[in-house]
C-alpha atoms as a PDB file:
ATOM      1  CA  THR A   1      28.550  -7.931 -13.107  1.00  0.00           C
ATOM      2  CA  GLY A   2      25.975  -6.140 -10.984  1.00  0.00           C
ATOM      3  CA  ARG A   3      23.642  -5.506 -13.942  1.00  0.00           C
ATOM      4  CA  PHE A   4      20.513  -7.470 -14.738  1.00  0.00           C
ATOM      5  CA  ARG A   5      18.119  -7.582 -17.666  1.00  0.00           C
ATOM      6  CA  ARG A   6      14.708  -6.177 -16.992  1.00  0.00           C
ATOM      7  CA  GLY A   7      11.762  -8.062 -18.396  1.00  0.00           C
ATOM      8  CA  GLN A   8       8.537  -6.694 -19.806  1.00  0.00           C
ATOM      9  CA  ASP A   9       6.916  -6.824 -16.338  1.00  0.00           C
ATOM     10  CA  ALA A  10       9.604  -4.592 -14.836  1.00  0.00           C
ATOM     11  CA  ARG A  11       9.091  -1.936 -17.516  1.00  0.00           C
ATOM     12  CA  ALA A  12       5.310  -2.047 -17.078  1.00  0.00           C
ATOM     13  CA  SER A  13       5.579  -1.623 -13.303  1.00  0.00           C
ATOM     14  CA  GLU A  14       7.951   1.327 -13.737  1.00  0.00           C
ATOM     15  CA  GLU A  15       5.398   3.014 -15.990  1.00  0.00           C
ATOM     16  CA  LEU A  16       2.615   2.492 -13.459  1.00  0.00           C
ATOM     17  CA  CYS A  17       4.734   3.800 -10.595  1.00  0.00           C
ATOM     18  CA  GLY A  18       5.830   6.961 -12.413  1.00  0.00           C
ATOM     19  CA  ALA A  19       9.338   6.161 -13.687  1.00  0.00           C
ATOM     20  CA  ARG A  20      10.530   8.613 -16.334  1.00  0.00           C
ATOM     21  CA  SER A  21      11.147   7.388 -19.857  1.00  0.00           C
ATOM     22  CA  SER A  22      10.504   8.852 -23.283  1.00  0.00           C
ATOM     23  CA  ARG A  23       7.926   6.135 -23.970  1.00  0.00           C
ATOM     24  CA  LEU A  24       6.109   6.902 -20.722  1.00  0.00           C
ATOM     25  CA  GLU A  25       6.116  10.621 -21.415  1.00  0.00           C
ATOM     26  CA  SER A  26       4.762  10.087 -24.929  1.00  0.00           C
ATOM     27  CA  ASN A  27       1.920   7.952 -23.519  1.00  0.00           C
ATOM     28  CA  LEU A  28       0.962  10.350 -20.737  1.00  0.00           C
ATOM     29  CA  LEU A  29       1.580  13.737 -22.341  1.00  0.00           C
ATOM     30  CA  ASP A  30      -0.214  15.299 -25.291  1.00  0.00           C
ATOM     31  CA  PRO A  31       1.786  17.322 -27.864  1.00  0.00           C
ATOM     32  CA  ARG A  32       1.537  20.441 -25.652  1.00  0.00           C
ATOM     33  CA  GLY A  33       3.005  18.576 -22.658  1.00  0.00           C
ATOM     34  CA  VAL A  34      -0.303  18.335 -20.766  1.00  0.00           C
ATOM     35  CA  ILE A  35      -0.998  15.096 -18.893  1.00  0.00           C
ATOM     36  CA  ARG A  36      -3.613  12.967 -20.666  1.00  0.00           C
ATOM     37  CA  ARG A  37      -4.261  10.410 -17.945  1.00  0.00           C
ATOM     38  CA  THR A  38      -2.851   9.450 -14.612  1.00  0.00           C
ATOM     39  CA  VAL A  39      -2.609   6.154 -12.769  1.00  0.00           C
ATOM     40  CA  VAL A  40      -3.281   6.696  -9.060  1.00  0.00           C
ATOM     41  CA  ILE A  41      -4.230   4.566  -6.108  1.00  0.00           C
ATOM     42  CA  GLN A  42      -6.393   6.638  -3.816  1.00  0.00           C
ATOM     43  CA  ILE A  43      -6.914   5.776  -0.165  1.00  0.00           C
ATOM     44  CA  THR A  44     -10.558   6.441   0.680  1.00  0.00           C
ATOM     45  CA  PRO A  45     -12.419   6.293   4.015  1.00  0.00           C
ATOM     46  CA  GLN A  46     -14.433   3.313   2.758  1.00  0.00           C
ATOM     47  CA  MET A  47     -11.340   1.135   2.386  1.00  0.00           C
ATOM     48  CA  ARG A  48     -10.829  -1.683   4.844  1.00  0.00           C
ATOM     49  CA  ILE A  49      -7.186  -1.677   5.915  1.00  0.00           C
ATOM     50  CA  ILE A  50      -5.391  -4.406   7.805  1.00  0.00           C
ATOM     51  CA  VAL A  51      -1.811  -4.262   9.092  1.00  0.00           C
ATOM     52  CA  ALA A  52       0.143  -7.470   9.647  1.00  0.00           C
ATOM     53  CA  VAL A  53       1.693  -7.440  13.123  1.00  0.00           C
ATOM     54  CA  GLU A  54       4.589  -9.795  12.339  1.00  0.00           C
ATOM     55  CA  PRO A  55       7.272  -8.656   9.876  1.00  0.00           C
ATOM     56  CA  ALA A  56       7.127 -10.206   6.409  1.00  0.00           C
ATOM     57  CA  ASP A  57       9.928 -11.589   4.270  1.00  0.00           C
ATOM     58  CA  PHE A  58      10.260  -8.884   1.624  1.00  0.00           C
ATOM     59  CA  ARG A  59      11.672 -11.333  -0.897  1.00  0.00           C
ATOM     60  CA  ARG A  60       8.032 -12.390  -1.304  1.00  0.00           C
ATOM     61  CA  GLY A  61       6.072 -10.892  -4.139  1.00  0.00           C
ATOM     62  CA  ILE A  62       2.355 -10.692  -4.789  1.00  0.00           C
ATOM     63  CA  ASP A  63       1.711 -14.429  -4.564  1.00  0.00           C
ATOM     64  CA  GLY A  64       3.712 -14.875  -1.341  1.00  0.00           C
ATOM     65  CA  LEU A  65       2.048 -11.924   0.385  1.00  0.00           C
ATOM     66  CA  ALA A  66      -1.394 -13.064  -0.797  1.00  0.00           C
ATOM     67  CA  ARG A  67      -0.642 -16.435   0.840  1.00  0.00           C
ATOM     68  CA  ILE A  68       0.163 -14.639   4.132  1.00  0.00           C
ATOM     69  CA  CYS A  69      -3.154 -12.776   3.837  1.00  0.00           C
ATOM     70  CA  LYS A  70      -5.025 -16.046   3.504  1.00  0.00           C
ATOM     71  CA  ASP A  71      -3.098 -18.322   5.883  1.00  0.00           C
ATOM     72  CA  VAL A  72      -1.858 -15.991   8.636  1.00  0.00           C
ATOM     73  CA  LEU A  73      -4.183 -12.981   8.574  1.00  0.00           C
ATOM     74  CA  LYS A  74      -7.253 -15.128   7.767  1.00  0.00           C
ATOM     75  CA  HIS A  75      -8.577 -12.682   5.148  1.00  0.00           C
ATOM     76  CA  ASP A  76      -9.317 -13.276   1.480  1.00  0.00           C
ATOM     77  CA  PRO A  77      -6.739 -11.332  -0.574  1.00  0.00           C
ATOM     78  CA  PHE A  78      -9.387 -10.893  -3.313  1.00  0.00           C
ATOM     79  CA  GLY A  79     -11.887  -9.360  -0.847  1.00  0.00           C
ATOM     80  CA  GLY A  80     -10.983  -5.700  -1.349  1.00  0.00           C
ATOM     81  CA  TRP A  81      -8.933  -5.282   1.840  1.00  0.00           C
ATOM     82  CA  VAL A  82      -5.743  -3.209   1.797  1.00  0.00           C
ATOM     83  CA  PHE A  83      -2.955  -5.259   3.401  1.00  0.00           C
ATOM     84  CA  VAL A  84       0.100  -3.549   4.905  1.00  0.00           C
ATOM     85  CA  PHE A  85       3.343  -5.385   5.738  1.00  0.00           C
ATOM     86  CA  ARG A  86       6.723  -4.260   7.062  1.00  0.00           C
ATOM     87  CA  ASN A  87      10.160  -5.798   6.878  1.00  0.00           C
ATOM     88  CA  ARG A  88      12.066  -6.996   9.941  1.00  0.00           C
ATOM     89  CA  PRO A  89      14.344  -3.935  10.323  1.00  0.00           C
ATOM     90  CA  ALA A  90      11.248  -1.659   9.973  1.00  0.00           C
ATOM     91  CA  THR A  91      12.818   0.361   7.159  1.00  0.00           C
ATOM     92  CA  ALA A  92      10.233  -0.507   4.496  1.00  0.00           C
ATOM     93  CA  ILE A  93       6.563  -1.331   4.056  1.00  0.00           C
ATOM     94  CA  LYS A  94       4.599  -3.044   1.301  1.00  0.00           C
ATOM     95  CA  VAL A  95       0.937  -2.461   0.524  1.00  0.00           C
ATOM     96  CA  LEU A  96      -1.030  -5.163  -1.318  1.00  0.00           C
ATOM     97  CA  VAL A  97      -4.529  -4.558  -2.682  1.00  0.00           C
ATOM     98  CA  TYR A  98      -6.758  -6.264  -5.244  1.00  0.00           C
ATOM     99  CA  ASP A  99      -8.760  -3.788  -7.338  1.00  0.00           C
ATOM    100  CA  GLY A 100     -11.048  -6.196  -9.181  1.00  0.00           C
ATOM    101  CA  GLN A 101      -8.737  -6.554 -12.197  1.00  0.00           C
ATOM    102  CA  GLY A 102      -5.473  -7.457 -10.543  1.00  0.00           C
ATOM    103  CA  PHE A 103      -3.157  -6.851  -7.632  1.00  0.00           C
ATOM    104  CA  TRP A 104      -1.286  -3.662  -6.821  1.00  0.00           C
ATOM    105  CA  LEU A 105       1.915  -4.054  -4.832  1.00  0.00           C
ATOM    106  CA  CYS A 106       3.473  -0.826  -3.593  1.00  0.00           C
ATOM    107  CA  HIS A 107       6.787  -0.696  -1.751  1.00  0.00           C
ATOM    108  CA  LYS A 108       8.096   2.228   0.300  1.00  0.00           C
ATOM    109  CA  ARG A 109      11.614   2.203   1.710  1.00  0.00           C
ATOM    110  CA  LEU A 110      12.678   5.054   3.966  1.00  0.00           C
ATOM    111  CA  SER A 111      15.831   6.904   2.946  1.00  0.00           C
ATOM    112  CA  SER A 112      16.868   7.063   6.573  1.00  0.00           C
ATOM    113  CA  GLY A 113      15.403   6.000   9.883  1.00  0.00           C
ATOM    114  CA  ARG A 114      12.727   3.447  10.654  1.00  0.00           C
ATOM    115  CA  PHE A 115       8.987   3.186  10.992  1.00  0.00           C
ATOM    116  CA  ARG A 116       8.762   3.910  14.714  1.00  0.00           C
ATOM    117  CA  TRP A 117       5.194   2.699  15.150  1.00  0.00           C
ATOM    118  CA  TRP A 118       3.989  -0.793  14.448  1.00  0.00           C
ATOM    119  CA  PRO A 119       1.141  -2.626  16.159  1.00  0.00           C
ATOM    120  CA  THR A 120       1.841  -5.158  18.855  1.00  0.00           C
ATOM    121  CA  ALA A 121      -1.047  -7.416  19.655  1.00  0.00           C
ATOM    122  CA  ASN A 122      -2.005 -10.947  20.585  1.00  0.00           C
ATOM    123  CA  THR A 123      -3.633 -11.251  17.157  1.00  0.00           C
ATOM    124  CA  SER A 124      -1.900 -11.490  13.805  1.00  0.00           C
ATOM    125  CA  ALA A 125      -3.367  -8.241  12.457  1.00  0.00           C
ATOM    126  CA  LYS A 126      -4.731  -4.812  13.346  1.00  0.00           C
ATOM    127  CA  THR A 127      -7.213  -2.727  11.382  1.00  0.00           C
ATOM    128  CA  LEU A 128      -6.601   0.937  10.581  1.00  0.00           C
ATOM    129  CA  ALA A 129      -8.731   3.767   9.234  1.00  0.00           C
ATOM    130  CA  ALA A 130      -7.760   5.469   5.968  1.00  0.00           C
ATOM    131  CA  HIS A 131      -6.425   8.592   7.693  1.00  0.00           C
ATOM    132  CA  GLN A 132      -4.298   6.398   9.959  1.00  0.00           C
ATOM    133  CA  LEU A 133      -2.765   4.650   6.942  1.00  0.00           C
ATOM    134  CA  GLN A 134      -1.845   8.045   5.495  1.00  0.00           C
ATOM    135  CA  VAL A 135       0.020   8.836   8.709  1.00  0.00           C
ATOM    136  CA  LEU A 136       1.730   5.426   8.745  1.00  0.00           C
ATOM    137  CA  LEU A 137       2.891   5.900   5.138  1.00  0.00           C
ATOM    138  CA  SER A 138       4.550   9.127   6.308  1.00  0.00           C
ATOM    139  CA  ALA A 139       6.404   7.169   9.041  1.00  0.00           C
ATOM    140  CA  GLY A 140       4.196   8.648  11.767  1.00  0.00           C
ATOM    141  CA  ASN A 141       2.186   7.184  14.632  1.00  0.00           C
ATOM    142  CA  PRO A 142      -1.378   6.452  13.480  1.00  0.00           C
ATOM    143  CA  GLU A 143      -2.634   5.950  17.039  1.00  0.00           C
ATOM    144  CA  ALA A 144      -1.675   9.522  17.982  1.00  0.00           C
ATOM    145  CA  VAL A 145      -3.915  11.012  15.278  1.00  0.00           C
ATOM    146  CA  GLN A 146      -7.369  12.193  16.236  1.00  0.00           C
ATOM    147  CA  ALA A 147     -10.151  12.525  13.677  1.00  0.00           C
ATOM    148  CA  ALA A 148     -13.917  12.628  13.570  1.00  0.00           C
ATOM    149  CA  PRO A 149     -15.586   9.221  13.678  1.00  0.00           C
ATOM    150  CA  ALA A 150     -16.153   7.566  10.305  1.00  0.00           C
ATOM    151  CA  TRP A 151     -19.947   7.735  10.797  1.00  0.00           C
ATOM    152  CA  ARG A 152     -22.143   9.745  13.084  1.00  0.00           C
ATOM    153  CA  PRO A 153     -25.890  10.464  13.031  1.00  0.00           C
ATOM    154  CA  VAL A 154     -26.913  13.694  11.348  1.00  0.00           C
ATOM    155  CA  GLY A 155     -30.114  14.303  13.308  1.00  0.00           C
ATOM    156  CA  PRO A 156     -31.201  13.704  16.891  1.00  0.00           C
ATOM    157  CA  ALA A 157     -31.446  10.110  18.067  1.00  0.00           C
ATOM    158  CA  VAL A 158     -34.953   8.697  17.918  1.00  0.00           C
END
């Protein structure tokens, strides 16, 4: 049959990613229905973001993508970088980040269409700014976005 048994890890990941269940609701909501705590990954301007140019095999999980980070992208997966991968048909992306306690692996698959922009370069990776990653996650073109520089002097140059 097409059904499978979910293990403890699958249930835990559903809770972290916002799946609805009575157990999840009882953990997150107080008796009045107000949210007690929330689990969120926030993209901040201080984050160092690297996008893999070549498509990744999406059958790989955390360990396989961490190996690509180390061997192909030449970056330490435990170094605080945010790594972004796409699949070959450009219909999905995965984001891998280590937060000091463990890895987060987020997967976004478009309902229709493809990610139209992806870097092409002679290198294996391209860096992005936080605002550019936000645009990429919305299936937009991060290179077409204009924003103020990440740092600029406040006073006159001396």
